[in-house]
Amino acid sequence: MPTDGIRFGIVASALGGDPRRMGRESREAGFEGILFDSSSARIDLSALTGSGRREFRNVLASQQQQIIGLRADVGPSGFGPGADIDRAIAELDKSMETAAGLGARLICVDIGPLPSAPTIEQERPAVTPLQAGLILLPESSLKEARPPRPAEPPPDPAFADLVNSALVELGHHADRYSVMLAFRTELASFASLEEVLRRAACPWFGIDLDPVALLGDEWEPDEFFSRLGSLVRHVRGRDAVGGAGHRTKPAIVGQGSVPWESLLTNLDEAGFQGWITLDPVDVADRARAAAAGLKYLRGFRL
């Protein structure tokens, strides 16, 4: 499948501790760019002055590397009840200002918990004896052939209003800086993410797709791409072995349960032209895992 429009990067946390050498390490490993944390123990990009940002960009450019964007999160409570929403928005505003100053127009945001999506009941056609074929089943068995999906709890209106208000405000900030916010969450379903993005209706919002999340979500990959594929702005290069009960165990990209070939095909069909950033933080040997994952993904270009 075509992957020529996709570029491969790595998270800064998987590289050595010296920011001045990160670009060289990334280039020598075969990557084209680095996704930095907005603020970390190694380097606080938001604290750089204007000249510091220019120097930082120049150092990376001399090492033939691009700044993919920044990573940020809004805290364990997200924008829900009990969260300091004003502080979270202020922190994201600082990240957006930093990204714009660095010439990086993407921020990958862990948005935290979200209200459950409204349940849309779909009428399930009854299975008739004729449809069942030549095998005659009792009527009771035919009725139980397709058990209804367990009902999810209804969305909390107050929670939904808090998240919506916060995202509307964030949309104004993103528009001011012309920065794309790509959201992800491990604490809610894709259906919930779709609902909050629909309500916010902001052109500066998209999705930071974590393929591992597809292993545990109710949506099959085809359903995700049919509904949200056009909103994917960044892909996390992660993999995992799927187990019972939607449990997963981290794995090197290409050695887990993520169907990368079909995933790349879906990304191509959705018109994705962005970055896949290898994120081997959950794997023991990060350098080896990143190199193996990159080699595997580049193999699809052959």
Protein backbone atom coordinates (compact mmCIF):
# COMPACT_ATOMS: atom_id res chain seq x y z
CA MET A 1 0.00 0.00 0.00
CA PRO A 2 1.23 3.55 -0.67
CA THR A 3 2.90 5.19 2.33
CA ASP A 4 4.92 7.86 0.54
CA GLY A 5 2.94 10.65 2.22
CA ILE A 6 3.74 9.31 5.68
CA ARG A 7 6.83 10.39 7.60
CA PHE A 8 8.36 8.58 10.56
CA GLY A 9 9.49 10.19 13.78
CA ILE A 10 10.29 9.28 17.36
CA VAL A 11 9.34 10.69 20.76
CA ALA A 12 12.08 12.67 22.48
CA SER A 13 11.72 10.58 25.65
CA ALA A 14 13.04 7.54 23.75
CA LEU A 15 16.29 9.33 22.92
CA GLY A 16 19.28 10.25 25.08
CA GLY A 17 19.09 12.94 27.71
CA ASP A 18 21.08 15.67 25.94
CA PRO A 19 18.74 17.82 23.79
CA ARG A 20 21.70 18.97 21.68
CA ARG A 21 22.36 15.38 20.59
CA MET A 22 18.78 14.22 20.12
CA GLY A 23 18.64 15.27 16.48
CA ARG A 24 21.80 13.36 15.59
CA GLU A 25 20.59 10.26 17.46
CA SER A 26 17.23 10.43 15.71
CA ARG A 27 18.80 10.87 12.26
CA GLU A 28 21.27 8.02 12.77
CA ALA A 29 18.38 5.76 13.80
CA GLY A 30 16.62 6.58 10.50
CA PHE A 31 13.94 8.99 11.73
CA GLU A 32 12.98 12.28 10.14
CA GLY A 33 11.57 14.17 13.10
CA ILE A 34 11.07 14.31 16.86
CA LEU A 35 7.93 14.78 18.94
CA PHE A 36 8.85 16.71 22.07
CA ASP A 37 7.10 17.04 25.41
CA SER A 38 6.01 20.61 25.98
CA SER A 39 7.73 20.46 29.35
CA SER A 40 9.89 17.70 30.80
CA ALA A 41 12.74 17.16 33.23
CA ARG A 42 15.16 17.22 30.29
CA ILE A 43 14.06 20.43 28.67
CA ASP A 44 11.26 22.93 29.22
CA LEU A 45 10.59 24.25 25.73
CA SER A 46 8.00 26.68 27.04
CA ALA A 47 10.76 28.44 29.04
CA LEU A 48 12.90 29.17 25.98
CA THR A 49 13.19 32.79 24.89
CA GLY A 50 12.63 33.81 21.28
CA SER A 51 16.36 33.52 20.53
CA GLY A 52 16.47 30.20 22.37
CA ARG A 53 13.71 28.84 20.19
CA ARG A 54 15.51 29.97 17.04
CA GLU A 55 18.72 28.31 18.20
CA PHE A 56 16.82 25.12 19.05
CA ARG A 57 15.25 25.02 15.58
CA ASN A 58 18.59 25.69 13.92
CA VAL A 59 20.35 22.91 15.83
CA LEU A 60 17.72 20.38 14.77
CA ALA A 61 17.72 21.64 11.18
CA SER A 62 21.50 21.23 11.02
CA GLN A 63 20.94 17.62 12.10
CA GLN A 64 18.34 17.20 9.32
CA GLN A 65 15.47 16.82 11.76
CA GLN A 66 12.04 18.40 12.02
CA ILE A 67 10.04 19.26 15.11
CA ILE A 68 6.90 17.17 14.63
CA GLY A 69 5.07 18.98 17.41
CA LEU A 70 4.58 18.88 21.16
CA ARG A 71 2.89 16.50 23.59
CA ALA A 72 0.68 17.70 26.42
CA ASP A 73 -2.05 16.43 28.71
CA VAL A 74 -4.78 18.04 30.75
CA GLY A 75 -4.32 15.97 33.90
CA PRO A 76 -6.05 12.90 35.34
CA SER A 77 -9.43 14.62 35.70
CA GLY A 78 -9.45 16.04 32.18
CA PHE A 79 -12.11 18.71 31.84
CA GLY A 80 -14.51 16.93 34.15
CA PRO A 81 -15.96 17.75 37.56
CA GLY A 82 -13.27 18.63 40.09
CA ALA A 83 -10.69 19.56 37.47
CA ASP A 84 -9.01 22.96 37.42
CA ILE A 85 -10.21 23.71 33.90
CA ASP A 86 -8.89 27.27 33.77
CA ARG A 87 -5.41 26.05 34.71
CA ALA A 88 -5.56 23.24 32.13
CA ILE A 89 -6.56 25.68 29.39
CA ALA A 90 -3.80 28.08 30.46
CA GLU A 91 -1.21 25.27 30.26
CA LEU A 92 -2.42 24.26 26.81
CA ASP A 93 -2.34 27.90 25.73
CA LYS A 94 1.32 28.01 26.77
CA SER A 95 1.97 24.83 24.79
CA MET A 96 0.26 26.33 21.73
CA GLU A 97 2.28 29.54 22.00
CA THR A 98 5.47 27.47 22.32
CA ALA A 99 4.59 25.27 19.34
CA ALA A 100 3.85 28.30 17.17
CA GLY A 101 7.13 29.91 18.23
CA LEU A 102 9.00 26.75 17.24
CA GLY A 103 7.26 26.55 13.88
CA ALA A 104 5.51 23.34 14.91
CA ARG A 105 1.76 23.48 14.27
CA LEU A 106 0.74 20.26 16.04
CA ILE A 107 0.06 19.41 19.68
CA CYS A 108 -0.89 15.88 20.67
CA VAL A 109 -3.15 16.16 23.71
CA ASP A 110 -4.21 13.48 26.16
CA ILE A 111 -7.67 14.80 26.92
CA GLY A 112 -8.42 12.41 29.80
CA PRO A 113 -11.87 11.04 30.72
CA LEU A 114 -14.89 11.96 28.61
CA PRO A 115 -18.65 11.60 29.11
CA SER A 116 -20.14 8.48 27.58
CA ALA A 117 -21.59 8.88 24.11
CA PRO A 118 -25.37 8.80 23.61
CA THR A 119 -26.55 5.30 22.84
CA ILE A 120 -28.27 5.00 19.48
CA GLU A 121 -30.53 2.01 19.47
CA GLN A 122 -30.51 0.11 16.22
CA GLU A 123 -33.29 -2.28 15.46
CA ARG A 124 -31.93 -5.78 15.02
CA PRO A 125 -33.81 -7.82 12.42
CA ALA A 126 -35.19 -11.06 13.72
CA VAL A 127 -33.70 -14.28 12.34
CA THR A 128 -36.46 -16.28 10.64
CA PRO A 129 -36.43 -20.06 10.17
CA LEU A 130 -35.98 -19.47 6.42
CA GLN A 131 -32.89 -17.33 7.01
CA ALA A 132 -31.52 -19.95 9.38
CA GLY A 133 -31.27 -22.37 6.45
CA LEU A 134 -32.05 -26.02 6.50
CA ILE A 135 -31.19 -26.44 10.18
CA LEU A 136 -34.39 -26.13 12.16
CA LEU A 137 -33.93 -24.31 15.45
CA PRO A 138 -36.49 -23.68 18.18
CA GLU A 139 -38.08 -20.23 18.00
CA SER A 140 -36.51 -19.35 21.35
CA SER A 141 -33.03 -20.05 19.96
CA LEU A 142 -33.71 -17.89 16.92
CA LYS A 143 -34.69 -14.95 19.10
CA GLU A 144 -31.52 -15.32 21.18
CA ALA A 145 -29.20 -15.68 18.19
CA ARG A 146 -28.19 -12.01 18.40
CA PRO A 147 -28.25 -10.85 22.00
CA PRO A 148 -28.52 -7.07 22.40
CA ARG A 149 -25.37 -5.16 23.35
CA PRO A 150 -25.36 -4.24 27.05
CA ALA A 151 -26.63 -0.71 27.50
CA GLU A 152 -24.01 1.89 28.43
CA PRO A 153 -24.79 4.42 31.15
CA PRO A 154 -26.41 7.57 29.76
CA PRO A 155 -24.12 10.57 29.32
CA ASP A 156 -23.86 12.97 32.24
CA PRO A 157 -25.22 16.33 30.95
CA ALA A 158 -23.18 18.37 33.43
CA PHE A 159 -19.95 16.53 32.49
CA ALA A 160 -20.74 16.94 28.78
CA ASP A 161 -21.36 20.68 29.21
CA LEU A 162 -18.05 21.14 31.05
CA VAL A 163 -16.08 19.37 28.33
CA ASN A 164 -17.90 21.20 25.56
CA SER A 165 -17.31 24.63 27.14
CA ALA A 166 -13.62 23.84 27.64
CA LEU A 167 -13.19 22.68 24.04
CA VAL A 168 -14.97 25.74 22.66
CA GLU A 169 -12.54 27.91 24.62
CA LEU A 170 -9.58 25.83 23.43
CA GLY A 171 -10.80 26.24 19.86
CA HIS A 172 -10.48 30.02 20.18
CA HIS A 173 -6.90 29.65 21.43
CA ALA A 174 -6.00 27.20 18.64
CA ASP A 175 -7.38 29.62 16.07
CA ARG A 176 -5.32 32.46 17.55
CA TYR A 177 -2.09 30.47 17.18
CA SER A 178 -3.10 28.48 14.05
CA VAL A 179 -2.16 25.26 15.88
CA MET A 180 -3.80 21.85 15.38
CA LEU A 181 -4.81 19.98 18.54
CA ALA A 182 -4.86 16.20 18.03
CA PHE A 183 -6.70 14.49 20.89
CA ARG A 184 -6.39 11.01 22.31
CA THR A 185 -7.58 9.30 25.48
CA GLU A 186 -7.16 5.92 27.11
CA LEU A 187 -10.08 6.62 29.46
CA ALA A 188 -12.95 6.85 26.98
CA SER A 189 -14.22 5.23 23.79
CA PHE A 190 -13.84 6.51 20.26
CA ALA A 191 -17.60 7.06 20.29
CA SER A 192 -17.17 9.47 23.19
CA LEU A 193 -14.31 11.23 21.42
CA GLU A 194 -16.42 11.53 18.28
CA GLU A 195 -19.26 13.08 20.26
CA VAL A 196 -17.16 15.79 21.94
CA LEU A 197 -15.47 16.68 18.64
CA ARG A 198 -18.86 16.85 16.94
CA ARG A 199 -20.19 19.21 19.58
CA ALA A 200 -17.12 21.44 19.49
CA ALA A 201 -17.11 21.58 15.67
CA CYS A 202 -13.67 23.20 15.54
CA PRO A 203 -11.53 22.94 12.37
CA TRP A 204 -8.37 23.04 14.52
CA PHE A 205 -9.28 19.78 16.28
CA GLY A 206 -8.32 16.29 15.15
CA ILE A 207 -7.31 12.88 16.47
CA ASP A 208 -4.00 11.50 17.68
CA LEU A 209 -4.63 7.87 16.75
CA ASP A 210 -3.24 5.23 19.09
CA PRO A 211 -3.51 1.87 17.25
CA VAL A 212 -3.42 0.03 20.58
CA ALA A 213 -6.68 1.74 21.51
CA LEU A 214 -8.29 0.09 18.48
CA LEU A 215 -7.59 -3.32 20.07
CA GLY A 216 -9.80 -2.57 23.05
CA ASP A 217 -12.53 -0.37 21.61
CA GLU A 218 -16.03 -1.49 20.65
CA TRP A 219 -15.52 -0.04 17.20
CA GLU A 220 -13.81 -2.22 14.64
CA PRO A 221 -11.02 -0.43 12.69
CA ASP A 222 -13.23 -0.14 9.60
CA GLU A 223 -15.91 1.64 11.62
CA PHE A 224 -13.35 3.98 13.15
CA PHE A 225 -12.01 4.99 9.74
CA SER A 226 -15.45 5.36 8.20
CA ARG A 227 -16.46 7.77 10.96
CA LEU A 228 -13.26 9.46 12.09
CA GLY A 229 -10.56 8.62 9.53
CA SER A 230 -10.61 12.09 7.99
CA LEU A 231 -9.80 13.61 11.40
CA VAL A 232 -6.58 11.68 12.04
CA ARG A 233 -3.75 14.21 12.31
CA HIS A 234 -1.06 12.07 13.94
CA VAL A 235 -0.46 8.37 14.65
CA ARG A 236 1.33 6.96 17.68
CA GLY A 237 3.68 4.16 16.66
CA ARG A 238 2.66 1.67 19.32
CA ASP A 239 1.77 -2.00 19.34
CA ALA A 240 0.54 -4.55 21.86
CA VAL A 241 -0.51 -8.16 22.15
CA GLY A 242 -4.26 -8.35 22.68
CA GLY A 243 -5.68 -10.70 25.28
CA ALA A 244 -8.96 -11.58 26.95
CA GLY A 245 -11.18 -8.83 28.23
CA HIS A 246 -9.53 -6.21 26.01
CA ARG A 247 -6.31 -6.57 28.01
CA THR A 248 -3.08 -5.69 26.23
CA LYS A 249 0.64 -6.21 26.77
CA PRO A 250 3.10 -3.74 25.17
CA ALA A 251 5.02 -5.07 22.18
CA ILE A 252 7.46 -3.86 19.56
CA VAL A 253 5.70 -2.45 16.51
CA GLY A 254 5.05 -5.32 14.13
CA GLN A 255 5.24 -7.97 16.87
CA GLY A 256 1.84 -7.36 18.42
CA SER A 257 -1.80 -7.62 17.42
CA VAL A 258 -2.17 -4.29 15.58
CA PRO A 259 -3.01 -5.07 11.90
CA TRP A 260 -0.52 -2.58 10.48
CA GLU A 261 -0.98 -3.49 6.82
CA SER A 262 -4.72 -2.78 6.85
CA LEU A 263 -4.18 0.21 9.15
CA LEU A 264 -1.76 1.81 6.68
CA THR A 265 -4.19 1.08 3.86
CA ASN A 266 -6.99 2.79 5.77
CA LEU A 267 -4.76 5.78 6.52
CA ASP A 268 -3.89 6.08 2.84
CA GLU A 269 -7.54 5.88 1.81
CA ALA A 270 -8.37 8.55 4.39
CA GLY A 271 -5.80 10.85 2.78
CA PHE A 272 -3.47 10.87 5.79
CA GLN A 273 -0.25 12.79 5.02
CA GLY A 274 1.22 13.15 8.49
CA TRP A 275 3.60 11.57 10.98
CA ILE A 276 3.73 8.16 12.56
CA THR A 277 5.81 8.71 15.68
CA LEU A 278 7.40 5.65 17.26
CA ASP A 279 6.60 5.65 20.96
CA PRO A 280 8.44 2.69 22.54
CA VAL A 281 8.28 4.05 26.10
CA ASP A 282 6.42 0.97 27.39
CA VAL A 283 9.01 -1.46 25.95
CA ALA A 284 12.14 -2.39 27.91
CA ASP A 285 14.86 -1.65 25.32
CA ARG A 286 13.58 1.57 23.76
CA ALA A 287 16.37 2.03 21.22
CA ARG A 288 16.10 -1.52 19.89
CA ALA A 289 12.29 -1.37 19.88
CA ALA A 290 12.26 1.91 17.95
CA ALA A 291 14.74 0.62 15.35
CA ALA A 292 12.82 -2.64 14.89
CA GLY A 293 9.49 -0.83 14.62
CA LEU A 294 10.82 1.63 12.05
CA LYS A 295 12.31 -1.17 9.94
CA TYR A 296 8.99 -3.00 10.01
CA LEU A 297 6.92 0.02 8.99
CA ARG A 298 9.34 1.07 6.25
CA GLY A 299 9.02 -2.42 4.82
CA PHE A 300 5.52 -1.52 3.58
CA ARG A 301 7.06 0.98 1.18
CA LEU A 302 8.71 -1.82 -0.81
